[in-house]
Amino acid sequence: MDKNRIKGAVDQAVGKGKTVAGKVTGDRKLQAEGRAQTGVGKVESAVGKVKDAVRDVLKK
Protein backbone atom coordinates (compact mmCIF):
# COMPACT_ATOMS: atom_id res chain seq x y z
CA MET A 1 0.00 0.00 0.00
CA ASP A 2 1.34 3.37 -1.00
CA LYS A 3 2.00 6.02 1.66
CA ASN A 4 -0.25 8.44 -0.24
CA ARG A 5 -3.21 6.13 0.33
CA ILE A 6 -2.52 6.06 4.06
CA LYS A 7 -2.08 9.84 4.30
CA GLY A 8 -5.21 10.31 2.22
CA ALA A 9 -7.25 8.12 4.56
CA VAL A 10 -5.95 10.06 7.57
CA ASP A 11 -6.78 13.39 5.91
CA GLN A 12 -10.28 12.17 5.09
CA ALA A 13 -10.89 11.06 8.68
CA VAL A 14 -9.57 14.29 10.19
CA GLY A 15 -11.54 16.33 7.67
CA LYS A 16 -14.73 14.45 8.51
CA GLY A 17 -14.11 15.11 12.20
CA LYS A 18 -13.62 18.82 11.56
CA THR A 19 -16.78 18.96 9.48
CA VAL A 20 -18.83 17.29 12.20
CA ALA A 21 -17.28 19.47 14.92
CA GLY A 22 -18.04 22.55 12.86
CA LYS A 23 -21.67 21.50 12.44
CA VAL A 24 -22.06 20.82 16.16
CA THR A 25 -20.51 24.12 17.21
CA GLY A 26 -21.98 26.16 14.34
CA ASP A 27 -18.48 27.11 13.15
CA ARG A 28 -18.81 27.47 9.38
CA LYS A 29 -15.08 28.05 8.94
CA LEU A 30 -14.27 24.75 10.65
CA GLN A 31 -16.86 23.01 8.49
CA ALA A 32 -15.26 24.43 5.35
CA GLU A 33 -11.79 23.41 6.51
CA GLY A 34 -13.09 19.91 7.14
CA ARG A 35 -14.68 19.62 3.72
CA ALA A 36 -11.50 20.90 2.08
CA GLN A 37 -9.31 18.48 4.01
CA THR A 38 -11.64 15.60 3.14
CA GLY A 39 -11.32 16.54 -0.54
CA VAL A 40 -7.54 16.67 -0.31
CA GLY A 41 -7.59 13.26 1.33
CA LYS A 42 -9.69 11.80 -1.46
CA VAL A 43 -7.32 13.14 -4.09
CA GLU A 44 -4.28 11.87 -2.23
CA SER A 45 -5.89 8.45 -1.85
CA ALA A 46 -6.56 8.36 -5.58
CA VAL A 47 -2.92 9.22 -6.30
CA GLY A 48 -1.85 6.35 -4.06
CA LYS A 49 -4.19 3.94 -5.86
CA VAL A 50 -2.73 4.95 -9.21
CA LYS A 51 0.81 4.47 -7.89
CA ASP A 52 -0.15 1.02 -6.59
CA ALA A 53 -1.69 0.09 -9.93
CA VAL A 54 1.39 1.22 -11.86
CA ARG A 55 3.65 -0.66 -9.47
CA ASP A 56 1.54 -3.82 -9.94
CA VAL A 57 1.68 -3.55 -13.72
CA LEU A 58 5.45 -3.07 -13.67
CA LYS A 59 5.92 -6.14 -11.48
CA LYS A 60 4.24 -8.40 -14.05
PDB file of N, CA and C in Angstrom:
ATOM      1  N   MET A   1       0.850  -1.179   0.000  1.00  0.00           N
ATOM      2  CA  MET A   1       0.000   0.000   0.000  1.00  0.00           C
ATOM      3  C   MET A   1       0.891   1.236   0.000  1.00  0.00           C
ATOM      4  N   ASP A   2       0.551   2.153  -0.842  1.00  0.00           N
ATOM      5  CA  ASP A   2       1.336   3.373  -0.995  1.00  0.00           C
ATOM      6  C   ASP A   2       1.088   4.330   0.171  1.00  0.00           C
ATOM      7  N   LYS A   3       2.116   5.075   0.534  1.00  0.00           N
ATOM      8  CA  LYS A   3       1.997   6.016   1.660  1.00  0.00           C
ATOM      9  C   LYS A   3       0.976   7.112   1.380  1.00  0.00           C
ATOM     10  N   ASN A   4       0.753   7.435   0.110  1.00  0.00           N
ATOM     11  CA  ASN A   4      -0.249   8.437  -0.239  1.00  0.00           C
ATOM     12  C   ASN A   4      -1.660   7.958   0.124  1.00  0.00           C
ATOM     13  N   ARG A   5      -1.898   6.668  -0.020  1.00  0.00           N
ATOM     14  CA  ARG A   5      -3.208   6.126   0.335  1.00  0.00           C
ATOM     15  C   ARG A   5      -3.443   6.236   1.831  1.00  0.00           C
ATOM     16  N   ILE A   6      -2.407   5.982   2.600  1.00  0.00           N
ATOM     17  CA  ILE A   6      -2.525   6.065   4.057  1.00  0.00           C
ATOM     18  C   ILE A   6      -2.751   7.512   4.483  1.00  0.00           C
ATOM     19  N   LYS A   7      -1.934   8.414   3.954  1.00  0.00           N
ATOM     20  CA  LYS A   7      -2.083   9.836   4.303  1.00  0.00           C
ATOM     21  C   LYS A   7      -3.444  10.354   3.859  1.00  0.00           C
ATOM     22  N   GLY A   8      -3.899   9.901   2.703  1.00  0.00           N
ATOM     23  CA  GLY A   8      -5.215  10.310   2.216  1.00  0.00           C
ATOM     24  C   GLY A   8      -6.335   9.858   3.140  1.00  0.00           C
ATOM     25  N   ALA A   9      -6.228   8.630   3.636  1.00  0.00           N
ATOM     26  CA  ALA A   9      -7.247   8.121   4.560  1.00  0.00           C
ATOM     27  C   ALA A   9      -7.249   8.917   5.861  1.00  0.00           C
ATOM     28  N   VAL A  10      -6.054   9.265   6.338  1.00  0.00           N
ATOM     29  CA  VAL A  10      -5.955  10.064   7.568  1.00  0.00           C
ATOM     30  C   VAL A  10      -6.564  11.447   7.337  1.00  0.00           C
ATOM     31  N   ASP A  11      -6.232  12.071   6.219  1.00  0.00           N
ATOM     32  CA  ASP A  11      -6.783  13.393   5.913  1.00  0.00           C
ATOM     33  C   ASP A  11      -8.313  13.347   5.809  1.00  0.00           C
ATOM     34  N   GLN A  12      -8.829  12.293   5.208  1.00  0.00           N
ATOM     35  CA  GLN A  12     -10.282  12.166   5.094  1.00  0.00           C
ATOM     36  C   GLN A  12     -10.928  12.046   6.469  1.00  0.00           C
ATOM     37  N   ALA A  13     -10.334  11.243   7.343  1.00  0.00           N
ATOM     38  CA  ALA A  13     -10.891  11.056   8.684  1.00  0.00           C
ATOM     39  C   ALA A  13     -10.841  12.349   9.494  1.00  0.00           C
ATOM     40  N   VAL A  14      -9.710  13.023   9.454  1.00  0.00           N
ATOM     41  CA  VAL A  14      -9.569  14.288  10.192  1.00  0.00           C
ATOM     42  C   VAL A  14     -10.527  15.334   9.623  1.00  0.00           C
ATOM     43  N   GLY A  15     -10.624  15.381   8.308  1.00  0.00           N
ATOM     44  CA  GLY A  15     -11.537  16.328   7.669  1.00  0.00           C
ATOM     45  C   GLY A  15     -12.981  16.069   8.062  1.00  0.00           C
ATOM     46  N   LYS A  16     -13.360  14.813   8.101  1.00  0.00           N
ATOM     47  CA  LYS A  16     -14.725  14.453   8.506  1.00  0.00           C
ATOM     48  C   LYS A  16     -14.976  14.892   9.944  1.00  0.00           C
ATOM     49  N   GLY A  17     -13.981  14.683  10.805  1.00  0.00           N
ATOM     50  CA  GLY A  17     -14.108  15.108  12.199  1.00  0.00           C
ATOM     51  C   GLY A  17     -14.270  16.611  12.316  1.00  0.00           C
ATOM     52  N   LYS A  18     -13.506  17.354  11.544  1.00  0.00           N
ATOM     53  CA  LYS A  18     -13.616  18.817  11.560  1.00  0.00           C
ATOM     54  C   LYS A  18     -14.993  19.259  11.060  1.00  0.00           C
ATOM     55  N   THR A  19     -15.480  18.609  10.033  1.00  0.00           N
ATOM     56  CA  THR A  19     -16.781  18.956   9.482  1.00  0.00           C
ATOM     57  C   THR A  19     -17.872  18.741  10.523  1.00  0.00           C
ATOM     58  N   VAL A  20     -17.838  17.599  11.180  1.00  0.00           N
ATOM     59  CA  VAL A  20     -18.833  17.294  12.202  1.00  0.00           C
ATOM     60  C   VAL A  20     -18.709  18.269  13.374  1.00  0.00           C
ATOM     61  N   ALA A  21     -17.488  18.531  13.819  1.00  0.00           N
ATOM     62  CA  ALA A  21     -17.279  19.468  14.924  1.00  0.00           C
ATOM     63  C   ALA A  21     -17.791  20.859  14.553  1.00  0.00           C
ATOM     64  N   GLY A  22     -17.564  21.252  13.317  1.00  0.00           N
ATOM     65  CA  GLY A  22     -18.043  22.545  12.855  1.00  0.00           C
ATOM     66  C   GLY A  22     -19.556  22.628  12.845  1.00  0.00           C
ATOM     67  N   LYS A  23     -20.209  21.530  12.441  1.00  0.00           N
ATOM     68  CA  LYS A  23     -21.670  21.499  12.444  1.00  0.00           C
ATOM     69  C   LYS A  23     -22.211  21.587  13.864  1.00  0.00           C
ATOM     70  N   VAL A  24     -21.597  20.839  14.775  1.00  0.00           N
ATOM     71  CA  VAL A  24     -22.062  20.816  16.162  1.00  0.00           C
ATOM     72  C   VAL A  24     -21.907  22.186  16.825  1.00  0.00           C
ATOM     73  N   THR A  25     -20.790  22.836  16.561  1.00  0.00           N
ATOM     74  CA  THR A  25     -20.515  24.120  17.205  1.00  0.00           C
ATOM     75  C   THR A  25     -21.041  25.315  16.408  1.00  0.00           C
ATOM     76  N   GLY A  26     -21.496  25.077  15.183  1.00  0.00           N
ATOM     77  CA  GLY A  26     -21.975  26.165  14.345  1.00  0.00           C
ATOM     78  C   GLY A  26     -20.855  26.977  13.723  1.00  0.00           C
ATOM     79  N   ASP A  27     -19.650  26.417  13.693  1.00  0.00           N
ATOM     80  CA  ASP A  27     -18.478  27.106  13.152  1.00  0.00           C
ATOM     81  C   ASP A  27     -18.354  26.788  11.660  1.00  0.00           C
ATOM     82  N   ARG A  28     -18.822  27.700  10.830  1.00  0.00           N
ATOM     83  CA  ARG A  28     -18.807  27.465   9.380  1.00  0.00           C
ATOM     84  C   ARG A  28     -17.384  27.365   8.818  1.00  0.00           C
ATOM     85  N   LYS A  29     -16.461  28.103   9.411  1.00  0.00           N
ATOM     86  CA  LYS A  29     -15.082  28.055   8.941  1.00  0.00           C
ATOM     87  C   LYS A  29     -14.496  26.662   9.176  1.00  0.00           C
ATOM     88  N   LEU A  30     -14.759  26.090  10.343  1.00  0.00           N
ATOM     89  CA  LEU A  30     -14.269  24.750  10.649  1.00  0.00           C
ATOM     90  C   LEU A  30     -14.904  23.713   9.724  1.00  0.00           C
ATOM     91  N   GLN A  31     -16.190  23.901   9.429  1.00  0.00           N
ATOM     92  CA  GLN A  31     -16.862  23.009   8.491  1.00  0.00           C
ATOM     93  C   GLN A  31     -16.187  23.068   7.122  1.00  0.00           C
ATOM     94  N   ALA A  32     -15.896  24.267   6.656  1.00  0.00           N
ATOM     95  CA  ALA A  32     -15.262  24.434   5.350  1.00  0.00           C
ATOM     96  C   ALA A  32     -13.869  23.819   5.340  1.00  0.00           C
ATOM     97  N   GLU A  33     -13.121  24.026   6.415  1.00  0.00           N
ATOM     98  CA  GLU A  33     -11.786  23.413   6.510  1.00  0.00           C
ATOM     99  C   GLU A  33     -11.903  21.894   6.449  1.00  0.00           C
ATOM    100  N   GLY A  34     -12.887  21.361   7.135  1.00  0.00           N
ATOM    101  CA  GLY A  34     -13.085  19.910   7.138  1.00  0.00           C
ATOM    102  C   GLY A  34     -13.425  19.373   5.768  1.00  0.00           C
ATOM    103  N   ARG A  35     -14.324  20.065   5.072  1.00  0.00           N
ATOM    104  CA  ARG A  35     -14.677  19.618   3.719  1.00  0.00           C
ATOM    105  C   ARG A  35     -13.475  19.697   2.791  1.00  0.00           C
ATOM    106  N   ALA A  36     -12.691  20.759   2.923  1.00  0.00           N
ATOM    107  CA  ALA A  36     -11.497  20.900   2.084  1.00  0.00           C
ATOM    108  C   ALA A  36     -10.494  19.791   2.374  1.00  0.00           C
ATOM    109  N   GLN A  37     -10.273  19.508   3.650  1.00  0.00           N
ATOM    110  CA  GLN A  37      -9.307  18.476   4.008  1.00  0.00           C
ATOM    111  C   GLN A  37      -9.791  17.104   3.559  1.00  0.00           C
ATOM    112  N   THR A  38     -11.086  16.866   3.626  1.00  0.00           N
ATOM    113  CA  THR A  38     -11.637  15.603   3.138  1.00  0.00           C
ATOM    114  C   THR A  38     -11.384  15.471   1.641  1.00  0.00           C
ATOM    115  N   GLY A  39     -11.577  16.558   0.904  1.00  0.00           N
ATOM    116  CA  GLY A  39     -11.324  16.543  -0.540  1.00  0.00           C
ATOM    117  C   GLY A  39      -9.871  16.274  -0.867  1.00  0.00           C
ATOM    118  N   VAL A  40      -8.982  16.903  -0.122  1.00  0.00           N
ATOM    119  CA  VAL A  40      -7.543  16.674  -0.313  1.00  0.00           C
ATOM    120  C   VAL A  40      -7.219  15.214  -0.041  1.00  0.00           C
ATOM    121  N   GLY A  41      -7.815  14.662   0.994  1.00  0.00           N
ATOM    122  CA  GLY A  41      -7.586  13.259   1.331  1.00  0.00           C
ATOM    123  C   GLY A  41      -8.047  12.319   0.234  1.00  0.00           C
ATOM    124  N   LYS A  42      -9.185  12.636  -0.370  1.00  0.00           N
ATOM    125  CA  LYS A  42      -9.692  11.797  -1.459  1.00  0.00           C
ATOM    126  C   LYS A  42      -8.755  11.824  -2.657  1.00  0.00           C
ATOM    127  N   VAL A  43      -8.251  13.014  -2.972  1.00  0.00           N
ATOM    128  CA  VAL A  43      -7.317  13.136  -4.093  1.00  0.00           C
ATOM    129  C   VAL A  43      -6.034  12.372  -3.791  1.00  0.00           C
ATOM    130  N   GLU A  44      -5.515  12.541  -2.584  1.00  0.00           N
ATOM    131  CA  GLU A  44      -4.276  11.871  -2.225  1.00  0.00           C
ATOM    132  C   GLU A  44      -4.444  10.349  -2.247  1.00  0.00           C
ATOM    133  N   SER A  45      -5.599   9.880  -1.803  1.00  0.00           N
ATOM    134  CA  SER A  45      -5.890   8.447  -1.850  1.00  0.00           C
ATOM    135  C   SER A  45      -5.904   7.953  -3.296  1.00  0.00           C
ATOM    136  N   ALA A  46      -6.504   8.737  -4.175  1.00  0.00           N
ATOM    137  CA  ALA A  46      -6.560   8.357  -5.584  1.00  0.00           C
ATOM    138  C   ALA A  46      -5.164   8.293  -6.189  1.00  0.00           C
ATOM    139  N   VAL A  47      -4.309   9.235  -5.817  1.00  0.00           N
ATOM    140  CA  VAL A  47      -2.919   9.221  -6.300  1.00  0.00           C
ATOM    141  C   VAL A  47      -2.228   7.936  -5.836  1.00  0.00           C
ATOM    142  N   GLY A  48      -2.449   7.580  -4.584  1.00  0.00           N
ATOM    143  CA  GLY A  48      -1.852   6.352  -4.056  1.00  0.00           C
ATOM    144  C   GLY A  48      -2.346   5.117  -4.784  1.00  0.00           C
ATOM    145  N   LYS A  49      -3.639   5.085  -5.125  1.00  0.00           N
ATOM    146  CA  LYS A  49      -4.195   3.940  -5.855  1.00  0.00           C
ATOM    147  C   LYS A  49      -3.557   3.818  -7.233  1.00  0.00           C
ATOM    148  N   VAL A  50      -3.361   4.966  -7.890  1.00  0.00           N
ATOM    149  CA  VAL A  50      -2.728   4.950  -9.212  1.00  0.00           C
ATOM    150  C   VAL A  50      -1.295   4.443  -9.095  1.00  0.00           C
ATOM    151  N   LYS A  51      -0.569   4.926  -8.092  1.00  0.00           N
ATOM    152  CA  LYS A  51       0.808   4.468  -7.890  1.00  0.00           C
ATOM    153  C   LYS A  51       0.851   2.965  -7.656  1.00  0.00           C
ATOM    154  N   ASP A  52      -0.085   2.458  -6.847  1.00  0.00           N
ATOM    155  CA  ASP A  52      -0.146   1.019  -6.593  1.00  0.00           C
ATOM    156  C   ASP A  52      -0.420   0.250  -7.877  1.00  0.00           C
ATOM    157  N   ALA A  53      -1.346   0.762  -8.685  1.00  0.00           N
ATOM    158  CA  ALA A  53      -1.692   0.092  -9.933  1.00  0.00           C
ATOM    159  C   ALA A  53      -0.501   0.055 -10.883  1.00  0.00           C
ATOM    160  N   VAL A  54       0.208   1.164 -10.991  1.00  0.00           N
ATOM    161  CA  VAL A  54       1.389   1.219 -11.863  1.00  0.00           C
ATOM    162  C   VAL A  54       2.451   0.251 -11.356  1.00  0.00           C
ATOM    163  N   ARG A  55       2.664   0.247 -10.059  1.00  0.00           N
ATOM    164  CA  ARG A  55       3.652  -0.660  -9.469  1.00  0.00           C
ATOM    165  C   ARG A  55       3.291  -2.131  -9.755  1.00  0.00           C
ATOM    166  N   ASP A  56       1.982  -2.465  -9.662  1.00  0.00           N
ATOM    167  CA  ASP A  56       1.538  -3.824  -9.936  1.00  0.00           C
ATOM    168  C   ASP A  56       1.759  -4.209 -11.388  1.00  0.00           C
ATOM    169  N   VAL A  57       1.490  -3.276 -12.295  1.00  0.00           N
ATOM    170  CA  VAL A  57       1.682  -3.548 -13.721  1.00  0.00           C
ATOM    171  C   VAL A  57       3.159  -3.756 -14.025  1.00  0.00           C
ATOM    172  N   LEU A  58       4.016  -2.962 -13.422  1.00  0.00           N
ATOM    173  CA  LEU A  58       5.451  -3.068 -13.673  1.00  0.00           C
ATOM    174  C   LEU A  58       6.045  -4.353 -13.103  1.00  0.00           C
ATOM    175  N   LYS A  59       5.425  -4.898 -12.077  1.00  0.00           N
ATOM    176  CA  LYS A  59       5.923  -6.142 -11.482  1.00  0.00           C
ATOM    177  C   LYS A  59       5.643  -7.349 -12.359  1.00  0.00           C
ATOM    178  N   LYS A  60       4.644  -7.244 -13.226  1.00  0.00           N
ATOM    179  CA  LYS A  60       4.242  -8.396 -14.046  1.00  0.00           C
ATOM    180  C   LYS A  60       5.102  -8.558 -15.250  1.00  0.00           C
TER     181      LYS A  60
END
